[in-house]
Amino acid sequence: MSNRFPPVNKIFDDLDRYRDFCRYEGKVFDERALYNENDRNWIAYKKYLGYLRAKARNNGRNIRSN
């Protein structure tokens, strides 16, 4: 198979990650929610990804704002 369609691979990888998120968080998995900015589960998934990016950026440090 040629490597002419990398976006297709990205879509399937995103779908697998979203499915795992729904499975671990107890959310209802629906393929139609992928890239749908109005779906509640997709919004929760995007917030979760932001949390993971922030956690990686801070190297796991606890930052207290006293």
N, C-alpha and C. Protein backbone atom coordinates (compact mmCIF):
# COMPACT_ATOMS: atom_id res chain seq x y z
N MET A 1 0.84 -1.17 0.00
CA MET A 1 0.00 0.00 0.00
C MET A 1 0.88 1.23 0.00
N SER A 2 0.55 2.17 -0.83
CA SER A 2 1.37 3.38 -0.91
C SER A 2 1.07 4.31 0.26
N ASN A 3 1.94 5.24 0.46
CA ASN A 3 1.81 6.18 1.57
C ASN A 3 1.26 7.51 1.04
N ARG A 4 0.28 7.45 0.17
CA ARG A 4 -0.27 8.66 -0.43
C ARG A 4 -1.36 9.29 0.42
N PHE A 5 -1.87 8.60 1.42
CA PHE A 5 -2.99 9.09 2.19
C PHE A 5 -2.68 9.16 3.69
N PRO A 6 -1.73 9.98 4.09
CA PRO A 6 -1.44 10.06 5.53
C PRO A 6 -2.60 10.64 6.34
N PRO A 7 -3.45 11.52 5.80
CA PRO A 7 -4.57 12.00 6.62
C PRO A 7 -5.53 10.88 7.01
N VAL A 8 -5.66 9.85 6.18
CA VAL A 8 -6.54 8.74 6.52
C VAL A 8 -5.99 8.01 7.73
N ASN A 9 -4.69 7.81 7.77
CA ASN A 9 -4.08 7.16 8.92
C ASN A 9 -4.27 8.00 10.18
N LYS A 10 -4.17 9.32 10.05
CA LYS A 10 -4.36 10.21 11.19
C LYS A 10 -5.80 10.12 11.70
N ILE A 11 -6.75 10.03 10.81
CA ILE A 11 -8.15 9.92 11.21
C ILE A 11 -8.38 8.65 12.02
N PHE A 12 -7.83 7.53 11.54
CA PHE A 12 -8.01 6.27 12.26
C PHE A 12 -7.27 6.28 13.60
N ASP A 13 -6.10 6.92 13.65
CA ASP A 13 -5.38 7.03 14.92
C ASP A 13 -6.16 7.89 15.91
N ASP A 14 -6.72 9.00 15.44
CA ASP A 14 -7.54 9.84 16.30
C ASP A 14 -8.78 9.10 16.78
N LEU A 15 -9.37 8.32 15.91
CA LEU A 15 -10.55 7.55 16.29
C LEU A 15 -10.21 6.53 17.37
N ASP A 16 -9.06 5.86 17.25
CA ASP A 16 -8.64 4.91 18.28
C ASP A 16 -8.38 5.59 19.61
N ARG A 17 -7.73 6.76 19.58
CA ARG A 17 -7.47 7.49 20.82
C ARG A 17 -8.76 7.97 21.46
N TYR A 18 -9.68 8.44 20.65
CA TYR A 18 -10.97 8.90 21.16
C TYR A 18 -11.77 7.73 21.75
N ARG A 19 -11.72 6.58 21.09
CA ARG A 19 -12.41 5.39 21.61
C ARG A 19 -11.83 4.97 22.96
N ASP A 20 -10.50 5.01 23.09
CA ASP A 20 -9.88 4.66 24.36
C ASP A 20 -10.26 5.65 25.45
N PHE A 21 -10.32 6.93 25.11
CA PHE A 21 -10.74 7.94 26.07
C PHE A 21 -12.16 7.65 26.56
N CYS A 22 -13.05 7.38 25.64
CA CYS A 22 -14.44 7.09 26.02
C CYS A 22 -14.53 5.84 26.87
N ARG A 23 -13.75 4.85 26.54
CA ARG A 23 -13.79 3.59 27.28
C ARG A 23 -13.29 3.78 28.70
N TYR A 24 -12.18 4.50 28.87
CA TYR A 24 -11.60 4.67 30.21
C TYR A 24 -12.38 5.67 31.06
N GLU A 25 -12.98 6.66 30.43
CA GLU A 25 -13.72 7.68 31.18
C GLU A 25 -15.20 7.35 31.36
N GLY A 26 -15.66 6.27 30.76
CA GLY A 26 -17.05 5.86 30.91
C GLY A 26 -18.01 6.69 30.07
N LYS A 27 -17.52 7.26 28.99
CA LYS A 27 -18.35 8.06 28.10
C LYS A 27 -18.92 7.17 26.99
N VAL A 28 -19.98 7.63 26.38
CA VAL A 28 -20.59 6.89 25.27
C VAL A 28 -19.77 7.17 24.01
N PHE A 29 -19.30 6.11 23.36
CA PHE A 29 -18.49 6.25 22.16
C PHE A 29 -19.39 6.30 20.94
N ASP A 30 -19.19 7.32 20.12
CA ASP A 30 -19.93 7.47 18.87
C ASP A 30 -18.97 8.02 17.83
N GLU A 31 -18.81 7.30 16.73
CA GLU A 31 -17.86 7.72 15.70
C GLU A 31 -18.23 9.07 15.09
N ARG A 32 -19.51 9.39 15.09
CA ARG A 32 -19.94 10.66 14.50
C ARG A 32 -19.43 11.86 15.28
N ALA A 33 -19.03 11.66 16.52
CA ALA A 33 -18.56 12.77 17.35
C ALA A 33 -17.14 13.19 17.01
N LEU A 34 -16.43 12.38 16.25
CA LEU A 34 -15.05 12.70 15.90
C LEU A 34 -15.00 14.00 15.12
N TYR A 35 -14.24 14.97 15.61
CA TYR A 35 -14.06 16.31 15.03
C TYR A 35 -15.33 17.16 15.07
N ASN A 36 -16.34 16.75 15.82
CA ASN A 36 -17.57 17.54 15.94
C ASN A 36 -17.43 18.45 17.15
N GLU A 37 -17.23 19.73 16.92
CA GLU A 37 -16.98 20.69 18.00
C GLU A 37 -18.19 20.95 18.87
N ASN A 38 -19.37 20.48 18.49
CA ASN A 38 -20.58 20.69 19.28
C ASN A 38 -20.94 19.49 20.16
N ASP A 39 -20.21 18.40 20.05
CA ASP A 39 -20.49 17.20 20.83
C ASP A 39 -19.82 17.29 22.19
N ARG A 40 -20.56 16.96 23.24
CA ARG A 40 -20.03 17.09 24.60
C ARG A 40 -18.85 16.17 24.85
N ASN A 41 -18.90 14.95 24.35
CA ASN A 41 -17.79 14.02 24.57
C ASN A 41 -16.54 14.47 23.83
N TRP A 42 -16.69 15.04 22.66
CA TRP A 42 -15.54 15.53 21.91
C TRP A 42 -14.92 16.72 22.64
N ILE A 43 -15.75 17.60 23.19
CA ILE A 43 -15.25 18.74 23.97
C ILE A 43 -14.48 18.23 25.19
N ALA A 44 -15.02 17.22 25.87
CA ALA A 44 -14.33 16.66 27.03
C ALA A 44 -13.01 16.02 26.62
N TYR A 45 -12.99 15.38 25.47
CA TYR A 45 -11.75 14.77 24.97
C TYR A 45 -10.71 15.83 24.67
N LYS A 46 -11.12 16.93 24.04
CA LYS A 46 -10.17 18.00 23.73
C LYS A 46 -9.62 18.64 25.01
N LYS A 47 -10.47 18.78 26.04
CA LYS A 47 -9.99 19.31 27.32
C LYS A 47 -9.01 18.34 27.96
N TYR A 48 -9.27 17.06 27.83
CA TYR A 48 -8.36 16.05 28.36
C TYR A 48 -7.01 16.13 27.65
N LEU A 49 -7.01 16.32 26.34
CA LEU A 49 -5.75 16.46 25.61
C LEU A 49 -5.00 17.70 26.06
N GLY A 50 -5.72 18.78 26.31
CA GLY A 50 -5.09 19.99 26.83
C GLY A 50 -4.47 19.76 28.19
N TYR A 51 -5.16 19.00 29.04
CA TYR A 51 -4.63 18.65 30.34
C TYR A 51 -3.33 17.85 30.20
N LEU A 52 -3.31 16.89 29.28
CA LEU A 52 -2.10 16.09 29.07
C LEU A 52 -0.95 16.95 28.57
N ARG A 53 -1.24 17.90 27.66
CA ARG A 53 -0.19 18.79 27.18
C ARG A 53 0.36 19.66 28.29
N ALA A 54 -0.53 20.19 29.14
CA ALA A 54 -0.10 21.04 30.25
C ALA A 54 0.71 20.23 31.26
N LYS A 55 0.30 19.01 31.50
CA LYS A 55 1.02 18.14 32.43
C LYS A 55 2.42 17.84 31.90
N ALA A 56 2.54 17.59 30.61
CA ALA A 56 3.85 17.33 30.01
C ALA A 56 4.70 18.59 30.02
N ARG A 57 4.08 19.73 29.81
CA ARG A 57 4.81 20.99 29.79
C ARG A 57 5.38 21.32 31.17
N ASN A 58 4.64 20.97 32.23
CA ASN A 58 5.08 21.26 33.59
C ASN A 58 5.91 20.14 34.19
N ASN A 59 6.14 19.10 33.44
CA ASN A 59 6.91 17.94 33.90
C ASN A 59 6.35 17.33 35.17
N GLY A 60 5.03 17.39 35.34
CA GLY A 60 4.40 16.78 36.49
C GLY A 60 4.53 17.54 37.79
N ARG A 61 5.02 18.77 37.76
CA ARG A 61 5.18 19.55 38.99
C ARG A 61 3.83 20.03 39.49
N ASN A 62 3.69 20.10 40.79
CA ASN A 62 2.52 20.72 41.40
C ASN A 62 2.80 22.20 41.51
N ILE A 63 1.95 23.00 40.92
CA ILE A 63 2.11 24.44 40.97
C ILE A 63 1.00 24.99 41.84
N ARG A 64 1.39 25.59 42.92
CA ARG A 64 0.43 26.16 43.84
C ARG A 64 0.44 27.67 43.71
N SER A 65 -0.71 28.25 43.68
CA SER A 65 -0.81 29.71 43.58
C SER A 65 -1.23 30.27 44.94
N ASN A 66 -0.28 30.41 45.86
CA ASN A 66 -0.56 30.94 47.20
C ASN A 66 -0.34 32.42 47.23
